[in-house]
């Protein structure tokens, strides 16, 4: 039976995907914690003994850095939630099924983007 004829991935295949997702989830959560700690520690830079001009420049750079890290942290949280949703789909045995076409998403795509819910064709048509 080819992938085009199957309506869902086997339990063994789902377990393979689960292992990939759990690994990515662990890494994403570590990255999020690192970003969060970076954001909270950026306020601790002491500029009291530097020139006023440098202090203004450094505070501006810190604000930009904090905003950038905040956006990165938000993206990490979104990625984490997508990965957790993929785990739920694995448990429901609906993982890997395109939500638009109902066909199986190619394994290569799922290995690259394990939280994908659209096949390549549906994604292109978006």
PDB file of N, CA and C in Angstrom:
ATOM      1  N   UNK A   1       0.847  -1.180   0.000  1.00  0.00           N
ATOM      2  CA  UNK A   1       0.000   0.000   0.000  1.00  0.00           C
ATOM      3  C   UNK A   1       0.892   1.241   0.000  1.00  0.00           C
ATOM      4  N   UNK A   2       0.721   2.115  -0.953  1.00  0.00           N
ATOM      5  CA  UNK A   2       1.550   3.314  -1.031  1.00  0.00           C
ATOM      6  C   UNK A   2       1.007   4.388  -0.088  1.00  0.00           C
ATOM      7  N   UNK A   3       1.826   5.417   0.146  1.00  0.00           N
ATOM      8  CA  UNK A   3       1.397   6.516   1.022  1.00  0.00           C
ATOM      9  C   UNK A   3       0.154   7.197   0.477  1.00  0.00           C
ATOM     10  N   UNK A   4      -0.009   7.211  -0.844  1.00  0.00           N
ATOM     11  CA  UNK A   4      -1.176   7.862  -1.444  1.00  0.00           C
ATOM     12  C   UNK A   4      -2.473   7.123  -1.131  1.00  0.00           C
ATOM     13  N   UNK A   5      -2.376   5.805  -0.874  1.00  0.00           N
ATOM     14  CA  UNK A   5      -3.574   5.009  -0.606  1.00  0.00           C
ATOM     15  C   UNK A   5      -3.904   4.955   0.880  1.00  0.00           C
ATOM     16  N   UNK A   6      -2.909   5.151   1.743  1.00  0.00           N
ATOM     17  CA  UNK A   6      -3.127   5.083   3.181  1.00  0.00           C
ATOM     18  C   UNK A   6      -3.936   6.289   3.652  1.00  0.00           C
ATOM     19  N   UNK A   7      -4.755   6.068   4.672  1.00  0.00           N
ATOM     20  CA  UNK A   7      -5.535   7.179   5.228  1.00  0.00           C
ATOM     21  C   UNK A   7      -4.909   7.726   6.506  1.00  0.00           C
ATOM     22  N   UNK A   8      -3.985   6.945   7.117  1.00  0.00           N
ATOM     23  CA  UNK A   8      -3.273   7.430   8.290  1.00  0.00           C
ATOM     24  C   UNK A   8      -1.954   6.677   8.422  1.00  0.00           C
ATOM     25  N   UNK A   9      -1.074   7.236   9.231  1.00  0.00           N
ATOM     26  CA  UNK A   9       0.200   6.580   9.482  1.00  0.00           C
ATOM     27  C   UNK A   9       0.015   5.470  10.506  1.00  0.00           C
ATOM     28  N   UNK A  10       0.853   4.421  10.401  1.00  0.00           N
ATOM     29  CA  UNK A  10       0.786   3.286  11.332  1.00  0.00           C
ATOM     30  C   UNK A  10       1.211   3.741  12.727  1.00  0.00           C
ATOM     31  N   UNK A  11       0.885   2.926  13.720  1.00  0.00           N
ATOM     32  CA  UNK A  11       1.274   3.241  15.090  1.00  0.00           C
ATOM     33  C   UNK A  11       2.797   3.346  15.216  1.00  0.00           C
ATOM     34  N   UNK A  12       3.525   2.494  14.501  1.00  0.00           N
ATOM     35  CA  UNK A  12       4.988   2.545  14.529  1.00  0.00           C
ATOM     36  C   UNK A  12       5.494   3.870  13.951  1.00  0.00           C
ATOM     37  N   UNK A  13       4.903   4.277  12.827  1.00  0.00           N
ATOM     38  CA  UNK A  13       5.298   5.549  12.209  1.00  0.00           C
ATOM     39  C   UNK A  13       4.958   6.722  13.142  1.00  0.00           C
ATOM     40  N   UNK A  14       3.804   6.644  13.779  1.00  0.00           N
ATOM     41  CA  UNK A  14       3.407   7.705  14.702  1.00  0.00           C
ATOM     42  C   UNK A  14       4.391   7.811  15.860  1.00  0.00           C
ATOM     43  N   UNK A  15       4.896   6.668  16.328  1.00  0.00           N
ATOM     44  CA  UNK A  15       5.872   6.684  17.418  1.00  0.00           C
ATOM     45  C   UNK A  15       7.197   7.311  16.961  1.00  0.00           C
ATOM     46  N   UNK A  16       7.565   7.084  15.710  1.00  0.00           N
ATOM     47  CA  UNK A  16       8.766   7.729  15.153  1.00  0.00           C
ATOM     48  C   UNK A  16       8.599   9.241  15.163  1.00  0.00           C
ATOM     49  N   UNK A  17       7.439   9.704  14.696  1.00  0.00           N
ATOM     50  CA  UNK A  17       7.174  11.141  14.672  1.00  0.00           C
ATOM     51  C   UNK A  17       7.123  11.709  16.087  1.00  0.00           C
ATOM     52  N   UNK A  18       6.557  10.936  17.015  1.00  0.00           N
ATOM     53  CA  UNK A  18       6.467  11.383  18.406  1.00  0.00           C
ATOM     54  C   UNK A  18       7.864  11.612  18.979  1.00  0.00           C
ATOM     55  N   UNK A  19       8.790  10.717  18.680  1.00  0.00           N
ATOM     56  CA  UNK A  19      10.165  10.863  19.167  1.00  0.00           C
ATOM     57  C   UNK A  19      10.801  12.139  18.609  1.00  0.00           C
ATOM     58  N   UNK A  20      10.584  12.412  17.333  1.00  0.00           N
ATOM     59  CA  UNK A  20      11.117  13.629  16.697  1.00  0.00           C
ATOM     60  C   UNK A  20      10.525  14.864  17.375  1.00  0.00           C
ATOM     61  N   UNK A  21       9.212  14.845  17.585  1.00  0.00           N
ATOM     62  CA  UNK A  21       8.529  15.991  18.180  1.00  0.00           C
ATOM     63  C   UNK A  21       8.983  16.217  19.624  1.00  0.00           C
ATOM     64  N   UNK A  22       9.101  15.147  20.400  1.00  0.00           N
ATOM     65  CA  UNK A  22       9.531  15.286  21.790  1.00  0.00           C
ATOM     66  C   UNK A  22      10.932  15.879  21.878  1.00  0.00           C
ATOM     67  N   UNK A  23      11.809  15.469  20.959  1.00  0.00           N
ATOM     68  CA  UNK A  23      13.168  16.022  20.930  1.00  0.00           C
ATOM     69  C   UNK A  23      13.128  17.520  20.603  1.00  0.00           C
ATOM     70  N   UNK A  24      12.339  17.881  19.590  1.00  0.00           N
ATOM     71  CA  UNK A  24      12.221  19.292  19.212  1.00  0.00           C
ATOM     72  C   UNK A  24      11.559  20.102  20.327  1.00  0.00           C
ATOM     73  N   UNK A  25      10.589  19.511  20.997  1.00  0.00           N
ATOM     74  CA  UNK A  25       9.886  20.181  22.089  1.00  0.00           C
ATOM     75  C   UNK A  25      10.837  20.471  23.247  1.00  0.00           C
ATOM     76  N   UNK A  26      11.661  19.502  23.593  1.00  0.00           N
ATOM     77  CA  UNK A  26      12.629  19.702  24.680  1.00  0.00           C
ATOM     78  C   UNK A  26      13.597  20.830  24.341  1.00  0.00           C
ATOM     79  N   UNK A  27      14.096  20.816  23.104  1.00  0.00           N
ATOM     80  CA  UNK A  27      15.027  21.865  22.661  1.00  0.00           C
ATOM     81  C   UNK A  27      14.343  23.231  22.655  1.00  0.00           C
ATOM     82  N   UNK A  28      13.091  23.281  22.183  1.00  0.00           N
ATOM     83  CA  UNK A  28      12.359  24.545  22.115  1.00  0.00           C
ATOM     84  C   UNK A  28      12.093  25.104  23.515  1.00  0.00           C
ATOM     85  N   UNK A  29      11.765  24.230  24.456  1.00  0.00           N
ATOM     86  CA  UNK A  29      11.520  24.687  25.829  1.00  0.00           C
ATOM     87  C   UNK A  29      12.809  25.201  26.477  1.00  0.00           C
ATOM     88  N   UNK A  30      13.936  24.560  26.180  1.00  0.00           N
ATOM     89  CA  UNK A  30      15.226  25.043  26.693  1.00  0.00           C
ATOM     90  C   UNK A  30      15.543  26.417  26.103  1.00  0.00           C
ATOM     91  N   UNK A  31      15.315  26.575  24.792  1.00  0.00           N
ATOM     92  CA  UNK A  31      15.556  27.862  24.143  1.00  0.00           C
ATOM     93  C   UNK A  31      14.667  28.949  24.734  1.00  0.00           C
ATOM     94  N   UNK A  32      13.408  28.604  24.999  1.00  0.00           N
ATOM     95  CA  UNK A  32      12.473  29.572  25.580  1.00  0.00           C
ATOM     96  C   UNK A  32      12.946  30.010  26.975  1.00  0.00           C
ATOM     97  N   UNK A  33      13.373  29.063  27.794  1.00  0.00           N
ATOM     98  CA  UNK A  33      13.861  29.394  29.138  1.00  0.00           C
ATOM     99  C   UNK A  33      15.084  30.305  29.053  1.00  0.00           C
ATOM    100  N   UNK A  34      15.967  30.016  28.104  1.00  0.00           N
ATOM    101  CA  UNK A  34      17.156  30.841  27.916  1.00  0.00           C
ATOM    102  C   UNK A  34      16.770  32.261  27.513  1.00  0.00           C
ATOM    103  N   UNK A  35      15.848  32.383  26.563  1.00  0.00           N
ATOM    104  CA  UNK A  35      15.387  33.707  26.132  1.00  0.00           C
ATOM    105  C   UNK A  35      14.745  34.460  27.293  1.00  0.00           C
ATOM    106  N   UNK A  36      13.919  33.761  28.059  1.00  0.00           N
ATOM    107  CA  UNK A  36      13.241  34.384  29.187  1.00  0.00           C
ATOM    108  C   UNK A  36      14.250  34.888  30.219  1.00  0.00           C
ATOM    109  N   UNK A  37      15.265  34.092  30.497  1.00  0.00           N
ATOM    110  CA  UNK A  37      16.264  34.524  31.472  1.00  0.00           C
ATOM    111  C   UNK A  37      17.088  35.687  30.917  1.00  0.00           C
ATOM    112  N   UNK A  38      17.324  35.683  29.607  1.00  0.00           N
ATOM    113  CA  UNK A  38      18.061  36.790  28.989  1.00  0.00           C
ATOM    114  C   UNK A  38      17.276  38.085  29.123  1.00  0.00           C
ATOM    115  N   UNK A  39      15.976  38.012  28.897  1.00  0.00           N
ATOM    116  CA  UNK A  39      15.124  39.198  28.993  1.00  0.00           C
ATOM    117  C   UNK A  39      15.144  39.738  30.422  1.00  0.00           C
ATOM    118  N   UNK A  40      15.020  38.869  31.397  1.00  0.00           N
ATOM    119  CA  UNK A  40      14.964  39.338  32.790  1.00  0.00           C
ATOM    120  C   UNK A  40      16.316  39.837  33.283  1.00  0.00           C
ATOM    121  N   UNK A  41      17.415  39.351  32.717  1.00  0.00           N
ATOM    122  CA  UNK A  41      18.741  39.798  33.152  1.00  0.00           C
ATOM    123  C   UNK A  41      19.226  41.043  32.416  1.00  0.00           C
ATOM    124  N   UNK A  42      18.555  41.425  31.336  1.00  0.00           N
ATOM    125  CA  UNK A  42      18.989  42.611  30.595  1.00  0.00           C
ATOM    126  C   UNK A  42      18.811  43.875  31.413  1.00  0.00           C
ATOM    127  N   UNK A  43      17.894  43.858  32.352  1.00  0.00           N
ATOM    128  CA  UNK A  43      17.661  45.037  33.184  1.00  0.00           C
ATOM    129  C   UNK A  43      18.794  45.262  34.180  1.00  0.00           C
ATOM    130  N   UNK A  44      19.645  44.294  34.374  1.00  0.00           N
ATOM    131  CA  UNK A  44      20.670  44.391  35.404  1.00  0.00           C
ATOM    132  C   UNK A  44      21.952  45.074  34.922  1.00  0.00           C
ATOM    133  N   UNK A  45      22.028  45.485  33.663  1.00  0.00           N
ATOM    134  CA  UNK A  45      23.223  46.179  33.180  1.00  0.00           C
ATOM    135  C   UNK A  45      23.349  47.521  33.880  1.00  0.00           C
ATOM    136  N   UNK A  46      24.469  47.724  34.540  1.00  0.00           N
ATOM    137  CA  UNK A  46      24.679  48.947  35.311  1.00  0.00           C
ATOM    138  C   UNK A  46      25.466  49.940  34.473  1.00  0.00           C
ATOM    139  N   UNK A  47      24.886  51.134  34.261  1.00  0.00           N
ATOM    140  CA  UNK A  47      25.565  52.160  33.462  1.00  0.00           C
ATOM    141  C   UNK A  47      25.767  53.437  34.277  1.00  0.00           C
ATOM    142  N   UNK A  48      25.703  53.337  35.594  1.00  0.00           N
ATOM    143  CA  UNK A  48      25.792  54.535  36.436  1.00  0.00           C
ATOM    144  C   UNK A  48      27.141  55.232  36.339  1.00  0.00           C
ATOM    145  N   UNK A  49      28.209  54.489  36.105  1.00  0.00           N
ATOM    146  CA  UNK A  49      29.532  55.105  36.107  1.00  0.00           C
ATOM    147  C   UNK A  49      30.039  55.438  34.701  1.00  0.00           C
ATOM    148  N   UNK A  50      29.165  55.414  33.699  1.00  0.00           N
ATOM    149  CA  UNK A  50      29.597  55.717  32.335  1.00  0.00           C
ATOM    150  C   UNK A  50      29.096  57.092  31.929  1.00  0.00           C
ATOM    151  N   UNK A  51      29.602  57.568  30.802  1.00  0.00           N
ATOM    152  CA  UNK A  51      29.216  58.899  30.338  1.00  0.00           C
ATOM    153  C   UNK A  51      27.734  58.931  29.983  1.00  0.00           C
ATOM    154  N   UNK A  52      27.081  60.086  30.095  1.00  0.00           N
ATOM    155  CA  UNK A  52      25.649  60.193  29.785  1.00  0.00           C
ATOM    156  C   UNK A  52      25.313  59.783  28.352  1.00  0.00           C
ATOM    157  N   UNK A  53      26.181  60.133  27.395  1.00  0.00           N
ATOM    158  CA  UNK A  53      25.927  59.777  25.998  1.00  0.00           C
ATOM    159  C   UNK A  53      25.942  58.269  25.814  1.00  0.00           C
ATOM    160  N   UNK A  54      26.949  57.617  26.375  1.00  0.00           N
ATOM    161  CA  UNK A  54      27.047  56.161  26.265  1.00  0.00           C
ATOM    162  C   UNK A  54      25.863  55.499  26.953  1.00  0.00           C
ATOM    163  N   UNK A  55      25.461  56.055  28.090  1.00  0.00           N
ATOM    164  CA  UNK A  55      24.335  55.497  28.848  1.00  0.00           C
ATOM    165  C   UNK A  55      23.057  55.521  27.999  1.00  0.00           C
ATOM    166  N   UNK A  56      22.789  56.608  27.303  1.00  0.00           N
ATOM    167  CA  UNK A  56      21.605  56.720  26.443  1.00  0.00           C
ATOM    168  C   UNK A  56      21.676  55.706  25.311  1.00  0.00           C
ATOM    169  N   UNK A  57      22.854  55.593  24.672  1.00  0.00           N
ATOM    170  CA  UNK A  57      23.018  54.635  23.573  1.00  0.00           C
ATOM    171  C   UNK A  57      22.831  53.210  24.067  1.00  0.00           C
ATOM    172  N   UNK A  58      23.413  52.901  25.212  1.00  0.00           N
ATOM    173  CA  UNK A  58      23.321  51.549  25.735  1.00  0.00           C
ATOM    174  C   UNK A  58      21.881  51.214  26.132  1.00  0.00           C
ATOM    175  N   UNK A  59      21.186  52.173  26.743  1.00  0.00           N
ATOM    176  CA  UNK A  59      19.793  51.932  27.122  1.00  0.00           C
ATOM    177  C   UNK A  59      18.924  51.703  25.884  1.00  0.00           C
ATOM    178  N   UNK A  60      19.202  52.457  24.809  1.00  0.00           N
ATOM    179  CA  UNK A  60      18.472  52.264  23.554  1.00  0.00           C
ATOM    180  C   UNK A  60      18.727  50.890  22.970  1.00  0.00           C
ATOM    181  N   UNK A  61      19.982  50.476  22.996  1.00  0.00           N
ATOM    182  CA  UNK A  61      20.343  49.146  22.486  1.00  0.00           C
ATOM    183  C   UNK A  61      19.700  48.059  23.341  1.00  0.00           C
ATOM    184  N   UNK A  62      19.678  48.272  24.653  1.00  0.00           N
ATOM    185  CA  UNK A  62      19.050  47.292  25.552  1.00  0.00           C
ATOM    186  C   UNK A  62      17.559  47.167  25.275  1.00  0.00           C
ATOM    187  N   UNK A  63      16.896  48.289  25.005  1.00  0.00           N
ATOM    188  CA  UNK A  63      15.462  48.259  24.705  1.00  0.00           C
ATOM    189  C   UNK A  63      15.207  47.477  23.429  1.00  0.00           C
ATOM    190  N   UNK A  64      16.008  47.743  22.385  1.00  0.00           N
ATOM    191  CA  UNK A  64      15.860  47.011  21.124  1.00  0.00           C
ATOM    192  C   UNK A  64      16.124  45.530  21.323  1.00  0.00           C
ATOM    193  N   UNK A  65      17.162  45.213  22.085  1.00  0.00           N
ATOM    194  CA  UNK A  65      17.504  43.823  22.344  1.00  0.00           C
ATOM    195  C   UNK A  65      16.388  43.123  23.117  1.00  0.00           C
ATOM    196  N   UNK A  66      15.839  43.805  24.112  1.00  0.00           N
ATOM    197  CA  UNK A  66      14.759  43.245  24.917  1.00  0.00           C
ATOM    198  C   UNK A  66      13.534  42.985  24.040  1.00  0.00           C
ATOM    199  N   UNK A  67      13.208  43.941  23.156  1.00  0.00           N
ATOM    200  CA  UNK A  67      12.069  43.766  22.243  1.00  0.00           C
ATOM    201  C   UNK A  67      12.306  42.589  21.296  1.00  0.00           C
ATOM    202  N   UNK A  68      13.514  42.503  20.768  1.00  0.00           N
ATOM    203  CA  UNK A  68      13.864  41.406  19.856  1.00  0.00           C
ATOM    204  C   UNK A  68      13.750  40.060  20.580  1.00  0.00           C
ATOM    205  N   UNK A  69      14.331  39.983  21.769  1.00  0.00           N
ATOM    206  CA  UNK A  69      14.260  38.739  22.536  1.00  0.00           C
ATOM    207  C   UNK A  69      12.826  38.417  22.939  1.00  0.00           C
ATOM    208  N   UNK A  70      12.031  39.446  23.205  1.00  0.00           N
ATOM    209  CA  UNK A  70      10.617  39.227  23.528  1.00  0.00           C
ATOM    210  C   UNK A  70       9.867  38.623  22.350  1.00  0.00           C
ATOM    211  N   UNK A  71      10.134  39.127  21.147  1.00  0.00           N
ATOM    212  CA  UNK A  71       9.501  38.568  19.940  1.00  0.00           C
ATOM    213  C   UNK A  71       9.958  37.136  19.706  1.00  0.00           C
ATOM    214  N   UNK A  72      11.245  36.890  19.918  1.00  0.00           N
ATOM    215  CA  UNK A  72      11.762  35.523  19.751  1.00  0.00           C
ATOM    216  C   UNK A  72      11.121  34.582  20.765  1.00  0.00           C
ATOM    217  N   UNK A  73      10.953  35.048  21.988  1.00  0.00           N
ATOM    218  CA  UNK A  73      10.330  34.226  23.026  1.00  0.00           C
ATOM    219  C   UNK A  73       8.880  33.923  22.656  1.00  0.00           C
ATOM    220  N   UNK A  74       8.168  34.914  22.120  1.00  0.00           N
ATOM    221  CA  UNK A  74       6.780  34.687  21.688  1.00  0.00           C
ATOM    222  C   UNK A  74       6.715  33.648  20.579  1.00  0.00           C
ATOM    223  N   UNK A  75       7.658  33.729  19.622  1.00  0.00           N
ATOM    224  CA  UNK A  75       7.700  32.739  18.537  1.00  0.00           C
ATOM    225  C   UNK A  75       7.989  31.344  19.088  1.00  0.00           C
ATOM    226  N   UNK A  76       8.887  31.264  20.077  1.00  0.00           N
ATOM    227  CA  UNK A  76       9.193  29.974  20.690  1.00  0.00           C
ATOM    228  C   UNK A  76       7.957  29.395  21.367  1.00  0.00           C
ATOM    229  N   UNK A  77       7.204  30.241  22.083  1.00  0.00           N
ATOM    230  CA  UNK A  77       5.987  29.769  22.751  1.00  0.00           C
ATOM    231  C   UNK A  77       4.981  29.244  21.741  1.00  0.00           C
ATOM    232  N   UNK A  78       4.857  29.947  20.613  1.00  0.00           N
ATOM    233  CA  UNK A  78       3.936  29.518  19.561  1.00  0.00           C
ATOM    234  C   UNK A  78       4.392  28.169  18.985  1.00  0.00           C
ATOM    235  N   UNK A  79       5.683  28.031  18.746  1.00  0.00           N
ATOM    236  CA  UNK A  79       6.251  26.785  18.233  1.00  0.00           C
ATOM    237  C   UNK A  79       5.986  25.648  19.217  1.00  0.00           C
ATOM    238  N   UNK A  80       6.198  25.904  20.507  1.00  0.00           N
ATOM    239  CA  UNK A  80       5.953  24.907  21.549  1.00  0.00           C
ATOM    240  C   UNK A  80       4.492  24.470  21.529  1.00  0.00           C
ATOM    241  N   UNK A  81       3.576  25.419  21.407  1.00  0.00           N
ATOM    242  CA  UNK A  81       2.149  25.060  21.393  1.00  0.00           C
ATOM    243  C   UNK A  81       1.792  24.250  20.150  1.00  0.00           C
ATOM    244  N   UNK A  82       2.425  24.555  19.009  1.00  0.00           N
ATOM    245  CA  UNK A  82       2.194  23.772  17.783  1.00  0.00           C
ATOM    246  C   UNK A  82       2.710  22.337  17.953  1.00  0.00           C
ATOM    247  N   UNK A  83       3.867  22.200  18.591  1.00  0.00           N
ATOM    248  CA  UNK A  83       4.416  20.862  18.821  1.00  0.00           C
ATOM    249  C   UNK A  83       3.529  20.061  19.772  1.00  0.00           C
ATOM    250  N   UNK A  84       3.023  20.712  20.812  1.00  0.00           N
ATOM    251  CA  UNK A  84       2.133  20.022  21.764  1.00  0.00           C
ATOM    252  C   UNK A  84       0.834  19.599  21.073  1.00  0.00           C
ATOM    253  N   UNK A  85       0.322  20.451  20.179  1.00  0.00           N
ATOM    254  CA  UNK A  85      -0.884  20.100  19.422  1.00  0.00           C
ATOM    255  C   UNK A  85      -0.611  18.898  18.515  1.00  0.00           C
ATOM    256  N   UNK A  86       0.602  18.824  17.965  1.00  0.00           N
ATOM    257  CA  UNK A  86       0.975  17.680  17.119  1.00  0.00           C
ATOM    258  C   UNK A  86       0.981  16.394  17.943  1.00  0.00           C
ATOM    259  N   UNK A  87       1.431  16.478  19.199  1.00  0.00           N
ATOM    260  CA  UNK A  87       1.410  15.300  20.072  1.00  0.00           C
ATOM    261  C   UNK A  87      -0.025  14.824  20.323  1.00  0.00           C
ATOM    262  N   UNK A  88      -0.941  15.769  20.465  1.00  0.00           N
ATOM    263  CA  UNK A  88      -2.361  15.415  20.651  1.00  0.00           C
ATOM    264  C   UNK A  88      -2.877  14.702  19.403  1.00  0.00           C
ATOM    265  N   UNK A  89      -2.490  15.202  18.227  1.00  0.00           N
ATOM    266  CA  UNK A  89      -2.919  14.557  16.981  1.00  0.00           C
ATOM    267  C   UNK A  89      -2.352  13.146  16.867  1.00  0.00           C
ATOM    268  N   UNK A  90      -1.149  12.944  17.381  1.00  0.00           N
ATOM    269  CA  UNK A  90      -0.574  11.593  17.377  1.00  0.00           C
ATOM    270  C   UNK A  90      -1.425  10.680  18.252  1.00  0.00           C
ATOM    271  N   UNK A  91      -1.773  11.161  19.435  1.00  0.00           N
ATOM    272  CA  UNK A  91      -2.608  10.355  20.345  1.00  0.00           C
ATOM    273  C   UNK A  91      -3.972  10.051  19.716  1.00  0.00           C
ATOM    274  N   UNK A  92      -4.515  10.999  18.970  1.00  0.00           N
ATOM    275  CA  UNK A  92      -5.815  10.822  18.296  1.00  0.00           C
ATOM    276  C   UNK A  92      -5.695  10.042  16.990  1.00  0.00           C
ATOM    277  N   UNK A  93      -4.448   9.752  16.590  1.00  0.00           N
ATOM    278  CA  UNK A  93      -4.148   9.052  15.335  1.00  0.00           C
ATOM    279  C   UNK A  93      -4.600   9.843  14.094  1.00  0.00           C
ATOM    280  N   UNK A  94      -4.626  11.163  14.241  1.00  0.00           N
ATOM    281  CA  UNK A  94      -4.949  12.032  13.103  1.00  0.00           C
ATOM    282  C   UNK A  94      -3.709  12.777  12.613  1.00  0.00           C
ATOM    283  N   UNK A  95      -2.575  12.501  13.240  1.00  0.00           N
ATOM    284  CA  UNK A  95      -1.325  13.177  12.876  1.00  0.00           C
ATOM    285  C   UNK A  95      -0.933  12.838  11.441  1.00  0.00           C
ATOM    286  N   UNK A  96      -0.484  13.871  10.729  1.00  0.00           N
ATOM    287  CA  UNK A  96       0.019  13.655   9.377  1.00  0.00           C
ATOM    288  C   UNK A  96      -1.042  13.697   8.304  1.00  0.00           C
ATOM    289  N   UNK A  97      -2.291  13.969   8.696  1.00  0.00           N
ATOM    290  CA  UNK A  97      -3.388  14.070   7.736  1.00  0.00           C
ATOM    291  C   UNK A  97      -3.628  15.556   7.457  1.00  0.00           C
ATOM    292  N   UNK A  98      -3.583  15.937   6.190  1.00  0.00           N
ATOM    293  CA  UNK A  98      -3.787  17.326   5.799  1.00  0.00           C
ATOM    294  C   UNK A  98      -5.194  17.766   6.208  1.00  0.00           C
ATOM    295  N   UNK A  99      -5.282  18.884   6.922  1.00  0.00           N
ATOM    296  CA  UNK A  99      -6.587  19.352   7.390  1.00  0.00           C
ATOM    297  C   UNK A  99      -7.434  19.928   6.262  1.00  0.00           C
ATOM    298  N   UNK A 100      -6.828  20.157   5.107  1.00  0.00           N
ATOM    299  CA  UNK A 100      -7.586  20.698   3.979  1.00  0.00           C
ATOM    300  C   UNK A 100      -7.995  19.613   2.982  1.00  0.00           C
ATOM    301  N   UNK A 101      -7.049  18.738   2.634  1.00  0.00           N
ATOM    302  CA  UNK A 101      -7.337  17.736   1.597  1.00  0.00           C
ATOM    303  C   UNK A 101      -7.717  16.375   2.172  1.00  0.00           C
ATOM    304  N   UNK A 102      -7.349  16.111   3.430  1.00  0.00           N
ATOM    305  CA  UNK A 102      -7.610  14.805   4.026  1.00  0.00           C
ATOM    306  C   UNK A 102      -6.605  13.742   3.615  1.00  0.00           C
ATOM    307  N   UNK A 103      -5.632  14.117   2.797  1.00  0.00           N
ATOM    308  CA  UNK A 103      -4.593  13.168   2.354  1.00  0.00           C
ATOM    309  C   UNK A 103      -3.423  13.192   3.340  1.00  0.00           C
ATOM    310  N   UNK A 104      -2.599  12.150   3.258  1.00  0.00           N
ATOM    311  CA  UNK A 104      -1.427  12.106   4.124  1.00  0.00           C
ATOM    312  C   UNK A 104      -0.393  13.138   3.685  1.00  0.00           C
ATOM    313  N   UNK A 105       0.167  13.811   4.668  1.00  0.00           N
ATOM    314  CA  UNK A 105       1.274  14.730   4.423  1.00  0.00           C
ATOM    315  C   UNK A 105       2.527  13.865   4.266  1.00  0.00           C
ATOM    316  N   UNK A 106       3.369  14.192   3.299  1.00  0.00           N
ATOM    317  CA  UNK A 106       4.571  13.392   3.037  1.00  0.00           C
ATOM    318  C   UNK A 106       5.466  13.322   4.269  1.00  0.00           C
ATOM    319  N   UNK A 107       6.060  12.153   4.467  1.00  0.00           N
ATOM    320  CA  UNK A 107       6.947  11.938   5.609  1.00  0.00           C
ATOM    321  C   UNK A 107       8.089  12.952   5.644  1.00  0.00           C
ATOM    322  N   UNK A 108       8.656  13.248   4.487  1.00  0.00           N
ATOM    323  CA  UNK A 108       9.783  14.182   4.423  1.00  0.00           C
ATOM    324  C   UNK A 108       9.372  15.545   4.970  1.00  0.00           C
ATOM    325  N   UNK A 109       8.174  15.979   4.633  1.00  0.00           N
ATOM    326  CA  UNK A 109       7.676  17.272   5.129  1.00  0.00           C
ATOM    327  C   UNK A 109       7.495  17.225   6.645  1.00  0.00           C
ATOM    328  N   UNK A 110       6.919  16.131   7.140  1.00  0.00           N
ATOM    329  CA  UNK A 110       6.687  16.010   8.573  1.00  0.00           C
ATOM    330  C   UNK A 110       7.993  15.920   9.359  1.00  0.00           C
ATOM    331  N   UNK A 111       9.012  15.322   8.774  1.00  0.00           N
ATOM    332  CA  UNK A 111      10.301  15.253   9.460  1.00  0.00           C
ATOM    333  C   UNK A 111      10.944  16.634   9.524  1.00  0.00           C
ATOM    334  N   UNK A 112      10.739  17.434   8.487  1.00  0.00           N
ATOM    335  CA  UNK A 112      11.293  18.789   8.461  1.00  0.00           C
ATOM    336  C   UNK A 112      10.450  19.753   9.295  1.00  0.00           C
ATOM    337  N   UNK A 113       9.129  19.614   9.197  1.00  0.00           N
ATOM    338  CA  UNK A 113       8.183  20.489   9.911  1.00  0.00           C
ATOM    339  C   UNK A 113       7.180  19.588  10.639  1.00  0.00           C
ATOM    340  N   UNK A 114       7.571  19.041  11.787  1.00  0.00           N
ATOM    341  CA  UNK A 114       6.746  18.020  12.438  1.00  0.00           C
ATOM    342  C   UNK A 114       5.385  18.498  12.931  1.00  0.00           C
ATOM    343  N   UNK A 115       5.177  19.804  12.985  1.00  0.00           N
ATOM    344  CA  UNK A 115       3.877  20.320  13.420  1.00  0.00           C
ATOM    345  C   UNK A 115       2.988  20.716  12.234  1.00  0.00           C
ATOM    346  N   UNK A 116       3.404  20.359  11.016  1.00  0.00           N
ATOM    347  CA  UNK A 116       2.641  20.719   9.817  1.00  0.00           C
ATOM    348  C   UNK A 116       1.242  20.095   9.844  1.00  0.00           C
ATOM    349  N   UNK A 117       0.262  20.868   9.399  1.00  0.00           N
ATOM    350  CA  UNK A 117      -1.110  20.364   9.304  1.00  0.00           C
ATOM    351  C   UNK A 117      -1.630  20.438   7.878  1.00  0.00           C
ATOM    352  N   UNK A 118      -0.784  20.922   6.971  1.00  0.00           N
ATOM    353  CA  UNK A 118      -1.158  21.028   5.557  1.00  0.00           C
ATOM    354  C   UNK A 118      -0.126  20.317   4.695  1.00  0.00           C
ATOM    355  N   UNK A 119      -0.597  19.630   3.653  1.00  0.00           N
ATOM    356  CA  UNK A 119       0.333  19.043   2.689  1.00  0.00           C
ATOM    357  C   UNK A 119       0.918  20.187   1.847  1.00  0.00           C
ATOM    358  N   UNK A 120       1.936  19.877   1.094  1.00  0.00           N
ATOM    359  CA  UNK A 120       2.612  20.900   0.274  1.00  0.00           C
ATOM    360  C   UNK A 120       1.632  21.593  -0.668  1.00  0.00           C
ATOM    361  N   UNK A 121       0.775  20.829  -1.336  1.00  0.00           N
ATOM    362  CA  UNK A 121      -0.158  21.425  -2.295  1.00  0.00           C
ATOM    363  C   UNK A 121      -1.107  22.405  -1.606  1.00  0.00           C
ATOM    364  N   UNK A 122      -1.643  22.007  -0.456  1.00  0.00           N
ATOM    365  CA  UNK A 122      -2.562  22.889   0.272  1.00  0.00           C
ATOM    366  C   UNK A 122      -1.834  24.134   0.767  1.00  0.00           C
ATOM    367  N   UNK A 123      -0.589  23.975   1.207  1.00  0.00           N
ATOM    368  CA  UNK A 123       0.207  25.110   1.689  1.00  0.00           C
ATOM    369  C   UNK A 123       0.477  26.089   0.558  1.00  0.00           C
ATOM    370  N   UNK A 124       0.787  25.563  -0.631  1.00  0.00           N
ATOM    371  CA  UNK A 124       1.041  26.416  -1.796  1.00  0.00           C
ATOM    372  C   UNK A 124      -0.199  27.204  -2.195  1.00  0.00           C
ATOM    373  N   UNK A 125      -1.365  26.591  -2.033  1.00  0.00           N
ATOM    374  CA  UNK A 125      -2.618  27.247  -2.411  1.00  0.00           C
ATOM    375  C   UNK A 125      -3.100  28.291  -1.417  1.00  0.00           C
ATOM    376  N   UNK A 126      -2.456  28.338  -0.255  1.00  0.00           N
ATOM    377  CA  UNK A 126      -2.864  29.307   0.774  1.00  0.00           C
ATOM    378  C   UNK A 126      -2.615  30.722   0.343  1.00  0.00           C
TER     379      UNK A 126
END
